[in-house]
Amino acid sequence: MFRRLTGRSKKPKKEEDPLVSVSEDITVPPERPLGTEPGAVSMGRLVATSEELSIDPETTADYARKAHIKPQSASEIVPGHFLKRDELGRVHIKIVFYGPSLGGKTTALRWLFANVRSLSKGKIIEISDELGRTTFFDFVPVTASERIVFDVFTVAGQRRHASQRIKVLRDCDGIIFMADSTPEQMNENLASIQELNIALGTDRMATLPIIISLNKRDLPNALPVDYMVQMLDLEGYPVFETIAIEGRSLLRMFQRVLRDALIFKVGI
């Protein structure tokens, strides 16, 4: 399994953001034996198919180089020193939803676009195929004030679109990694987080605001939260249990990444 070598705490966090007064009862599904399939390989309680789990590190690193994703400079690390401004002088902060195909990224963006009424939003742009899967990216600008604009993207999750989605990662200021809680999608979760680690590099993974969404928690076969965090090596990141089609925990999650990105980039 691909492992990150960072100094992060090894205890996962379930976040209750004080900025939002939302009361939700979050239930972690009990451990349950999972069925097996012909050709399946048992990995503890998880049953992963024999499909290749990993991605090619050299190809992924090459995509990142072509996208001009480089180690952070000193100016990027200092809040307020390296800011992207438009012709009106507004600071733009880039947030990217990342994760496997059909994991709920576009569904989450649509819900936020329709329901976060306190923010001024531009037109949502979607580029999808006939099945509703994002084929390049979805995008919506969110204006938080007269001087702050959040540019929010989702990326195509299918493995064949690796080059395109890594391009979207360039100059991002915050990431929401949206994992699919169903056992049959754990291979894709693993491939996606491995790709993100390689594309961003150790320094950006250690310093960028990264929020974890464990989506589809309403499904009866959803994997246990602690197990997913351990399998995906996500200890130390803020974790939210979400149901994108219902909007569950999306507002708290979104406010958390916006707040962390503001602190990271602007220092406020």
C-alpha atoms as a PDB file:
ATOM      1  CA  MET A   1       0.000   0.000   0.000  1.00  0.00           C
ATOM      2  CA  PHE A   2       1.210   3.477  -0.770  1.00  0.00           C
ATOM      3  CA  ARG A   3       2.106   5.311   2.439  1.00  0.00           C
ATOM      4  CA  ARG A   4       2.670   8.988   3.118  1.00  0.00           C
ATOM      5  CA  LEU A   5       5.717   9.899   5.142  1.00  0.00           C
ATOM      6  CA  THR A   6       4.565  12.969   7.030  1.00  0.00           C
ATOM      7  CA  GLY A   7       4.584  14.120  10.603  1.00  0.00           C
ATOM      8  CA  ARG A   8       0.803  14.023  10.870  1.00  0.00           C
ATOM      9  CA  SER A   9      -0.963  12.667  13.918  1.00  0.00           C
ATOM     10  CA  LYS A  10      -2.110   9.083  13.505  1.00  0.00           C
ATOM     11  CA  LYS A  11      -5.506   9.644  15.043  1.00  0.00           C
ATOM     12  CA  PRO A  12      -8.367  10.413  12.623  1.00  0.00           C
ATOM     13  CA  LYS A  13     -10.532  13.431  13.377  1.00  0.00           C
ATOM     14  CA  LYS A  14     -14.292  13.549  13.033  1.00  0.00           C
ATOM     15  CA  GLU A  15     -14.916  17.233  12.699  1.00  0.00           C
ATOM     16  CA  GLU A  16     -17.718  19.198  14.332  1.00  0.00           C
ATOM     17  CA  ASP A  17     -17.181  22.657  12.882  1.00  0.00           C
ATOM     18  CA  PRO A  18     -18.120  25.356  15.414  1.00  0.00           C
ATOM     19  CA  LEU A  19     -18.941  27.768  12.589  1.00  0.00           C
ATOM     20  CA  VAL A  20     -22.090  25.874  11.691  1.00  0.00           C
ATOM     21  CA  SER A  21     -24.888  25.059  14.091  1.00  0.00           C
ATOM     22  CA  VAL A  22     -25.910  21.680  12.696  1.00  0.00           C
ATOM     23  CA  SER A  23     -26.912  18.791  14.913  1.00  0.00           C
ATOM     24  CA  GLU A  24     -26.608  15.384  13.299  1.00  0.00           C
ATOM     25  CA  ASP A  25     -26.486  11.892  14.730  1.00  0.00           C
ATOM     26  CA  ILE A  26     -23.673  10.135  12.941  1.00  0.00           C
ATOM     27  CA  THR A  27     -23.792   6.371  13.184  1.00  0.00           C
ATOM     28  CA  VAL A  28     -20.828   4.198  12.320  1.00  0.00           C
ATOM     29  CA  PRO A  29     -22.004   0.920  10.797  1.00  0.00           C
ATOM     30  CA  PRO A  30     -21.101  -2.166  12.829  1.00  0.00           C
ATOM     31  CA  GLU A  31     -18.452  -4.463  11.538  1.00  0.00           C
ATOM     32  CA  ARG A  32     -19.890  -7.062   9.216  1.00  0.00           C
ATOM     33  CA  PRO A  33     -18.480  -9.902   7.138  1.00  0.00           C
ATOM     34  CA  LEU A  34     -18.374  -9.078   3.476  1.00  0.00           C
ATOM     35  CA  GLY A  35     -19.120 -11.585   0.756  1.00  0.00           C
ATOM     36  CA  THR A  36     -16.510 -12.949  -1.563  1.00  0.00           C
ATOM     37  CA  GLU A  37     -16.476 -13.150  -5.324  1.00  0.00           C
ATOM     38  CA  PRO A  38     -14.641 -15.489  -7.712  1.00  0.00           C
ATOM     39  CA  GLY A  39     -11.081 -14.249  -8.054  1.00  0.00           C
ATOM     40  CA  ALA A  40     -11.383 -11.907  -5.074  1.00  0.00           C
ATOM     41  CA  VAL A  41      -8.587 -11.398  -2.583  1.00  0.00           C
ATOM     42  CA  SER A  42      -9.528 -10.907   1.072  1.00  0.00           C
ATOM     43  CA  MET A  43      -7.961  -7.887   2.780  1.00  0.00           C
ATOM     44  CA  GLY A  44      -9.253  -8.118   6.352  1.00  0.00           C
ATOM     45  CA  ARG A  45     -12.909  -7.144   6.263  1.00  0.00           C
ATOM     46  CA  LEU A  46     -12.486  -5.609   2.818  1.00  0.00           C
ATOM     47  CA  VAL A  47     -12.775  -7.772  -0.258  1.00  0.00           C
ATOM     48  CA  ALA A  48     -10.804  -6.259  -3.123  1.00  0.00           C
ATOM     49  CA  THR A  49     -11.003  -7.626  -6.639  1.00  0.00           C
ATOM     50  CA  SER A  50      -7.915  -8.832  -8.448  1.00  0.00           C
ATOM     51  CA  GLU A  51      -7.954  -5.647 -10.571  1.00  0.00           C
ATOM     52  CA  GLU A  52      -4.726  -3.703 -10.326  1.00  0.00           C
ATOM     53  CA  LEU A  53      -4.852  -1.559  -7.201  1.00  0.00           C
ATOM     54  CA  SER A  54      -2.042   0.825  -7.949  1.00  0.00           C
ATOM     55  CA  ILE A  55      -1.244   3.342 -10.642  1.00  0.00           C
ATOM     56  CA  ASP A  56       2.018   3.865 -12.465  1.00  0.00           C
ATOM     57  CA  PRO A  57       4.099   6.303 -10.382  1.00  0.00           C
ATOM     58  CA  GLU A  58       6.344   7.383 -13.261  1.00  0.00           C
ATOM     59  CA  THR A  59       3.424   8.214 -15.553  1.00  0.00           C
ATOM     60  CA  THR A  60       1.640  10.089 -12.773  1.00  0.00           C
ATOM     61  CA  ALA A  61       4.761  12.059 -11.898  1.00  0.00           C
ATOM     62  CA  ASP A  62       5.198  12.898 -15.587  1.00  0.00           C
ATOM     63  CA  TYR A  63       1.607  14.228 -15.744  1.00  0.00           C
ATOM     64  CA  ALA A  64       2.376  16.394 -12.707  1.00  0.00           C
ATOM     65  CA  ARG A  65       5.536  17.791 -14.318  1.00  0.00           C
ATOM     66  CA  LYS A  66       3.632  18.619 -17.502  1.00  0.00           C
ATOM     67  CA  ALA A  67       0.981  20.352 -15.375  1.00  0.00           C
ATOM     68  CA  HIS A  68       3.787  22.404 -13.767  1.00  0.00           C
ATOM     69  CA  ILE A  69       3.038  21.125 -10.265  1.00  0.00           C
ATOM     70  CA  LYS A  70       6.284  21.804  -8.457  1.00  0.00           C
ATOM     71  CA  PRO A  71       7.478  21.738  -4.848  1.00  0.00           C
ATOM     72  CA  GLN A  72       6.266  24.768  -2.953  1.00  0.00           C
ATOM     73  CA  SER A  73       8.338  27.902  -2.988  1.00  0.00           C
ATOM     74  CA  ALA A  74       8.939  29.997   0.101  1.00  0.00           C
ATOM     75  CA  SER A  75       6.463  32.621  -1.136  1.00  0.00           C
ATOM     76  CA  GLU A  76       3.677  30.031  -1.363  1.00  0.00           C
ATOM     77  CA  ILE A  77       4.179  28.892   2.217  1.00  0.00           C
ATOM     78  CA  VAL A  78       3.943  32.383   3.722  1.00  0.00           C
ATOM     79  CA  PRO A  79       0.260  33.433   4.081  1.00  0.00           C
ATOM     80  CA  GLY A  80      -0.615  36.564   2.126  1.00  0.00           C
ATOM     81  CA  HIS A  81       2.628  36.612   0.162  1.00  0.00           C
ATOM     82  CA  PHE A  82       1.608  34.722  -2.989  1.00  0.00           C
ATOM     83  CA  LEU A  83      -1.957  35.647  -3.978  1.00  0.00           C
ATOM     84  CA  LYS A  84      -3.821  35.313  -7.269  1.00  0.00           C
ATOM     85  CA  ARG A  85      -5.802  38.454  -8.100  1.00  0.00           C
ATOM     86  CA  ASP A  86      -8.144  39.314 -10.966  1.00  0.00           C
ATOM     87  CA  GLU A  87      -8.573  42.638 -12.772  1.00  0.00           C
ATOM     88  CA  LEU A  88     -10.871  43.838  -9.966  1.00  0.00           C
ATOM     89  CA  GLY A  89      -8.234  43.143  -7.341  1.00  0.00           C
ATOM     90  CA  ARG A  90     -10.155  40.203  -5.868  1.00  0.00           C
ATOM     91  CA  VAL A  91      -8.147  37.309  -4.429  1.00  0.00           C
ATOM     92  CA  HIS A  92      -8.961  33.938  -6.028  1.00  0.00           C
ATOM     93  CA  ILE A  93      -8.664  30.754  -3.974  1.00  0.00           C
ATOM     94  CA  LYS A  94      -8.903  27.426  -5.799  1.00  0.00           C
ATOM     95  CA  ILE A  95     -10.695  24.459  -4.201  1.00  0.00           C
ATOM     96  CA  VAL A  96     -10.692  21.044  -5.908  1.00  0.00           C
ATOM     97  CA  PHE A  97     -12.964  18.052  -5.249  1.00  0.00           C
ATOM     98  CA  TYR A  98     -10.835  14.956  -5.944  1.00  0.00           C
ATOM     99  CA  GLY A  99     -11.668  11.261  -5.850  1.00  0.00           C
ATOM    100  CA  PRO A 100     -12.837   8.201  -7.829  1.00  0.00           C
ATOM    101  CA  SER A 101     -15.481   8.234 -10.534  1.00  0.00           C
ATOM    102  CA  LEU A 102     -19.122   8.311  -9.400  1.00  0.00           C
ATOM    103  CA  GLY A 103     -18.033   8.924  -5.815  1.00  0.00           C
ATOM    104  CA  GLY A 104     -20.307  11.959  -5.430  1.00  0.00           C
ATOM    105  CA  LYS A 105     -18.086  14.938  -6.312  1.00  0.00           C
ATOM    106  CA  THR A 106     -20.412  16.565  -8.841  1.00  0.00           C
ATOM    107  CA  THR A 107     -23.475  15.687  -6.748  1.00  0.00           C
ATOM    108  CA  ALA A 108     -21.884  17.477  -3.791  1.00  0.00           C
ATOM    109  CA  LEU A 109     -21.035  20.536  -5.898  1.00  0.00           C
ATOM    110  CA  ARG A 110     -24.584  20.715  -7.252  1.00  0.00           C
ATOM    111  CA  TRP A 111     -26.052  20.509  -3.742  1.00  0.00           C
ATOM    112  CA  LEU A 112     -23.765  23.260  -2.479  1.00  0.00           C
ATOM    113  CA  PHE A 113     -24.564  25.409  -5.506  1.00  0.00           C
ATOM    114  CA  ALA A 114     -28.288  25.051  -4.843  1.00  0.00           C
ATOM    115  CA  ASN A 115     -28.275  25.366  -1.057  1.00  0.00           C
ATOM    116  CA  VAL A 116     -25.463  27.648   0.149  1.00  0.00           C
ATOM    117  CA  ARG A 117     -27.462  30.856  -0.091  1.00  0.00           C
ATOM    118  CA  SER A 118     -25.106  32.987   1.993  1.00  0.00           C
ATOM    119  CA  LEU A 119     -22.554  32.979  -0.834  1.00  0.00           C
ATOM    120  CA  SER A 120     -22.896  34.674  -4.212  1.00  0.00           C
ATOM    121  CA  LYS A 121     -22.384  32.098  -6.936  1.00  0.00           C
ATOM    122  CA  GLY A 122     -21.694  32.356 -10.637  1.00  0.00           C
ATOM    123  CA  LYS A 123     -22.932  29.942 -13.262  1.00  0.00           C
ATOM    124  CA  ILE A 124     -22.037  26.300 -12.709  1.00  0.00           C
ATOM    125  CA  ILE A 125     -20.220  24.786 -15.681  1.00  0.00           C
ATOM    126  CA  GLU A 126     -20.420  21.013 -16.165  1.00  0.00           C
ATOM    127  CA  ILE A 127     -18.725  18.857 -18.816  1.00  0.00           C
ATOM    128  CA  SER A 128     -20.065  15.304 -18.547  1.00  0.00           C
ATOM    129  CA  ASP A 129     -20.782  12.199 -20.616  1.00  0.00           C
ATOM    130  CA  GLU A 130     -24.120  10.508 -21.268  1.00  0.00           C
ATOM    131  CA  LEU A 131     -23.942   8.729 -17.888  1.00  0.00           C
ATOM    132  CA  GLY A 132     -23.447  11.976 -15.999  1.00  0.00           C
ATOM    133  CA  ARG A 133     -19.764  11.342 -15.284  1.00  0.00           C
ATOM    134  CA  THR A 134     -17.481  14.349 -15.408  1.00  0.00           C
ATOM    135  CA  THR A 135     -15.215  14.130 -18.466  1.00  0.00           C
ATOM    136  CA  PHE A 136     -12.919  17.062 -17.703  1.00  0.00           C
ATOM    137  CA  PHE A 137     -14.082  19.204 -14.794  1.00  0.00           C
ATOM    138  CA  ASP A 138     -17.035  21.002 -13.238  1.00  0.00           C
ATOM    139  CA  PHE A 139     -16.564  24.570 -12.092  1.00  0.00           C
ATOM    140  CA  VAL A 140     -18.406  27.259 -10.150  1.00  0.00           C
ATOM    141  CA  PRO A 141     -17.041  30.582  -8.827  1.00  0.00           C
ATOM    142  CA  VAL A 142     -18.221  31.414  -5.301  1.00  0.00           C
ATOM    143  CA  THR A 143     -17.903  35.001  -4.088  1.00  0.00           C
ATOM    144  CA  ALA A 144     -17.431  35.196  -0.330  1.00  0.00           C
ATOM    145  CA  SER A 145     -16.921  38.968  -0.155  1.00  0.00           C
ATOM    146  CA  GLU A 146     -15.987  41.920  -2.324  1.00  0.00           C
ATOM    147  CA  ARG A 147     -12.386  40.798  -2.269  1.00  0.00           C
ATOM    148  CA  ILE A 148     -12.468  36.979  -2.017  1.00  0.00           C
ATOM    149  CA  VAL A 149     -13.569  34.515  -4.731  1.00  0.00           C
ATOM    150  CA  PHE A 150     -13.412  30.738  -4.341  1.00  0.00           C
ATOM    151  CA  ASP A 151     -13.024  28.899  -7.649  1.00  0.00           C
ATOM    152  CA  VAL A 152     -14.466  25.441  -6.956  1.00  0.00           C
ATOM    153  CA  PHE A 153     -13.698  22.529  -9.278  1.00  0.00           C
ATOM    154  CA  THR A 154     -14.521  18.836  -9.455  1.00  0.00           C
ATOM    155  CA  VAL A 155     -12.439  16.504 -11.609  1.00  0.00           C
ATOM    156  CA  ALA A 156     -13.122  13.470 -13.784  1.00  0.00           C
ATOM    157  CA  GLY A 157     -12.586  10.370 -11.654  1.00  0.00           C
ATOM    158  CA  GLN A 158     -12.096   7.720 -14.341  1.00  0.00           C
ATOM    159  CA  ARG A 159      -8.529   6.498 -14.521  1.00  0.00           C
ATOM    160  CA  ARG A 160      -8.229   7.283 -18.224  1.00  0.00           C
ATOM    161  CA  HIS A 161      -8.646  10.996 -17.437  1.00  0.00           C
ATOM    162  CA  ALA A 162      -5.595  11.148 -15.154  1.00  0.00           C
ATOM    163  CA  SER A 163      -3.771  13.726 -17.250  1.00  0.00           C
ATOM    164  CA  GLN A 164      -6.756  16.116 -17.325  1.00  0.00           C
ATOM    165  CA  ARG A 165      -7.555  15.974 -13.614  1.00  0.00           C
ATOM    166  CA  ILE A 166      -3.924  16.420 -12.584  1.00  0.00           C
ATOM    167  CA  LYS A 167      -3.884  19.611 -14.660  1.00  0.00           C
ATOM    168  CA  VAL A 168      -6.801  20.877 -12.560  1.00  0.00           C
ATOM    169  CA  LEU A 169      -4.687  20.383  -9.421  1.00  0.00           C
ATOM    170  CA  ARG A 170      -2.243  23.069 -10.527  1.00  0.00           C
ATOM    171  CA  ASP A 171      -2.228  26.054  -8.148  1.00  0.00           C
ATOM    172  CA  CYS A 172      -4.967  24.583  -5.941  1.00  0.00           C
ATOM    173  CA  ASP A 173      -5.277  26.056  -2.452  1.00  0.00           C
ATOM    174  CA  GLY A 174      -7.467  23.408  -0.832  1.00  0.00           C
ATOM    175  CA  ILE A 175      -8.704  19.888  -1.584  1.00  0.00           C
ATOM    176  CA  ILE A 176     -11.741  17.837  -0.668  1.00  0.00           C
ATOM    177  CA  PHE A 177     -10.941  14.162  -1.217  1.00  0.00           C
ATOM    178  CA  MET A 178     -14.253  12.356  -1.676  1.00  0.00           C
ATOM    179  CA  ALA A 179     -14.020   8.598  -1.118  1.00  0.00           C
ATOM    180  CA  ASP A 180     -16.761   6.093  -1.941  1.00  0.00           C
ATOM    181  CA  SER A 181     -17.778   4.083   1.149  1.00  0.00           C
ATOM    182  CA  THR A 182     -18.865   0.957  -0.757  1.00  0.00           C
ATOM    183  CA  PRO A 183     -16.519  -2.069  -0.594  1.00  0.00           C
ATOM    184  CA  GLU A 184     -16.496  -2.584  -4.355  1.00  0.00           C
ATOM    185  CA  GLN A 185     -15.058   0.904  -4.871  1.00  0.00           C
ATOM    186  CA  MET A 186     -12.164   0.616  -2.434  1.00  0.00           C
ATOM    187  CA  ASN A 187      -9.752  -0.219  -5.260  1.00  0.00           C
ATOM    188  CA  GLU A 188     -10.632   3.062  -6.935  1.00  0.00           C
ATOM    189  CA  ASN A 189     -10.312   4.962  -3.651  1.00  0.00           C
ATOM    190  CA  LEU A 190      -6.828   3.522  -3.191  1.00  0.00           C
ATOM    191  CA  ALA A 191      -5.776   4.379  -6.747  1.00  0.00           C
ATOM    192  CA  SER A 192      -7.120   7.925  -6.425  1.00  0.00           C
ATOM    193  CA  ILE A 193      -5.401   8.764  -3.146  1.00  0.00           C
ATOM    194  CA  GLN A 194      -2.163   7.228  -4.417  1.00  0.00           C
ATOM    195  CA  GLU A 195      -2.372   9.384  -7.524  1.00  0.00           C
ATOM    196  CA  LEU A 196      -3.028  12.505  -5.443  1.00  0.00           C
ATOM    197  CA  ASN A 197      -0.006  11.787  -3.252  1.00  0.00           C
ATOM    198  CA  ILE A 198       2.305  11.415  -6.239  1.00  0.00           C
ATOM    199  CA  ALA A 199       0.900  14.355  -8.207  1.00  0.00           C
ATOM    200  CA  LEU A 200       1.077  16.856  -5.342  1.00  0.00           C
ATOM    201  CA  GLY A 201       4.247  15.571  -3.738  1.00  0.00           C
ATOM    202  CA  THR A 202       5.074  15.158  -0.057  1.00  0.00           C
ATOM    203  CA  ASP A 203       5.404  18.857   0.743  1.00  0.00           C
ATOM    204  CA  ARG A 204       2.030  19.900  -0.687  1.00  0.00           C
ATOM    205  CA  MET A 205       0.259  16.897   0.851  1.00  0.00           C
ATOM    206  CA  ALA A 206       1.709  17.912   4.220  1.00  0.00           C
ATOM    207  CA  THR A 207       0.820  21.603   4.035  1.00  0.00           C
ATOM    208  CA  LEU A 208      -2.249  22.099   1.800  1.00  0.00           C
ATOM    209  CA  PRO A 209      -5.661  22.145   3.515  1.00  0.00           C
ATOM    210  CA  ILE A 210      -7.061  18.684   2.701  1.00  0.00           C
ATOM    211  CA  ILE A 211     -10.495  17.610   3.917  1.00  0.00           C
ATOM    212  CA  ILE A 212     -11.750  14.025   3.691  1.00  0.00           C
ATOM    213  CA  SER A 213     -15.316  13.136   2.719  1.00  0.00           C
ATOM    214  CA  LEU A 214     -16.378   9.528   3.257  1.00  0.00           C
ATOM    215  CA  ASN A 215     -19.442   9.597   1.046  1.00  0.00           C
ATOM    216  CA  LYS A 216     -22.491   7.334   0.643  1.00  0.00           C
ATOM    217  CA  ARG A 217     -22.766   6.669   4.371  1.00  0.00           C
ATOM    218  CA  ASP A 218     -26.459   5.865   3.912  1.00  0.00           C
ATOM    219  CA  LEU A 219     -25.744   2.602   2.092  1.00  0.00           C
ATOM    220  CA  PRO A 220     -26.227  -0.594   4.129  1.00  0.00           C
ATOM    221  CA  ASN A 221     -22.831  -1.996   3.108  1.00  0.00           C
ATOM    222  CA  ALA A 222     -20.839   1.175   3.810  1.00  0.00           C
ATOM    223  CA  LEU A 223     -17.423   0.286   5.199  1.00  0.00           C
ATOM    224  CA  PRO A 224     -16.600   1.307   8.793  1.00  0.00           C
ATOM    225  CA  VAL A 225     -15.103   4.787   9.039  1.00  0.00           C
ATOM    226  CA  ASP A 226     -11.991   3.825  11.008  1.00  0.00           C
ATOM    227  CA  TYR A 227     -11.296   1.013   8.580  1.00  0.00           C
ATOM    228  CA  MET A 228     -11.483   3.327   5.554  1.00  0.00           C
ATOM    229  CA  VAL A 229      -9.223   5.906   7.197  1.00  0.00           C
ATOM    230  CA  GLN A 230      -6.664   3.209   7.969  1.00  0.00           C
ATOM    231  CA  MET A 231      -6.815   1.558   4.538  1.00  0.00           C
ATOM    232  CA  LEU A 232      -6.461   4.865   2.700  1.00  0.00           C
ATOM    233  CA  ASP A 233      -3.760   6.147   5.083  1.00  0.00           C
ATOM    234  CA  LEU A 234      -5.745   9.278   5.923  1.00  0.00           C
ATOM    235  CA  GLU A 235      -4.974   9.504   9.622  1.00  0.00           C
ATOM    236  CA  GLY A 236      -4.661  13.081  10.804  1.00  0.00           C
ATOM    237  CA  TYR A 237      -6.925  14.711   8.225  1.00  0.00           C
ATOM    238  CA  PRO A 238     -10.341  16.178   9.112  1.00  0.00           C
ATOM    239  CA  VAL A 239     -12.942  13.518   8.222  1.00  0.00           C
ATOM    240  CA  PHE A 240     -16.609  14.121   7.408  1.00  0.00           C
ATOM    241  CA  GLU A 241     -19.202  11.409   6.888  1.00  0.00           C
ATOM    242  CA  THR A 242     -21.346  12.611   4.010  1.00  0.00           C
ATOM    243  CA  ILE A 243     -24.412  11.713   1.981  1.00  0.00           C
ATOM    244  CA  ALA A 244     -24.090  13.938  -1.076  1.00  0.00           C
ATOM    245  CA  ILE A 245     -27.558  13.251  -2.505  1.00  0.00           C
ATOM    246  CA  GLU A 246     -29.097  14.502   0.761  1.00  0.00           C
ATOM    247  CA  GLY A 247     -26.533  17.209   1.510  1.00  0.00           C
ATOM    248  CA  ARG A 248     -25.603  15.600   4.826  1.00  0.00           C
ATOM    249  CA  SER A 249     -22.494  17.239   6.347  1.00  0.00           C
ATOM    250  CA  LEU A 250     -21.657  18.983   3.044  1.00  0.00           C
ATOM    251  CA  LEU A 251     -22.081  22.503   4.421  1.00  0.00           C
ATOM    252  CA  ARG A 252     -19.850  21.852   7.430  1.00  0.00           C
ATOM    253  CA  MET A 253     -17.269  20.187   5.207  1.00  0.00           C
ATOM    254  CA  PHE A 254     -17.328  23.034   2.682  1.00  0.00           C
ATOM    255  CA  GLN A 255     -17.040  25.734   5.330  1.00  0.00           C
ATOM    256  CA  ARG A 256     -14.091  23.888   6.859  1.00  0.00           C
ATOM    257  CA  VAL A 257     -12.106  23.766   3.608  1.00  0.00           C
ATOM    258  CA  LEU A 258     -12.913  27.424   2.822  1.00  0.00           C
ATOM    259  CA  ARG A 259     -11.813  28.507   6.283  1.00  0.00           C
ATOM    260  CA  ASP A 260      -8.601  26.463   6.173  1.00  0.00           C
ATOM    261  CA  ALA A 261      -7.771  27.711   2.666  1.00  0.00           C
ATOM    262  CA  LEU A 262      -8.282  31.341   3.751  1.00  0.00           C
ATOM    263  CA  ILE A 263      -5.939  30.838   6.685  1.00  0.00           C
ATOM    264  CA  PHE A 264      -3.418  29.013   4.501  1.00  0.00           C
ATOM    265  CA  LYS A 265      -3.375  31.541   1.653  1.00  0.00           C
ATOM    266  CA  VAL A 266      -4.411  34.872   3.148  1.00  0.00           C
ATOM    267  CA  GLY A 267      -3.648  34.401   6.831  1.00  0.00           C
ATOM    268  CA  ILE A 268      -7.083  35.492   8.089  1.00  0.00           C
END
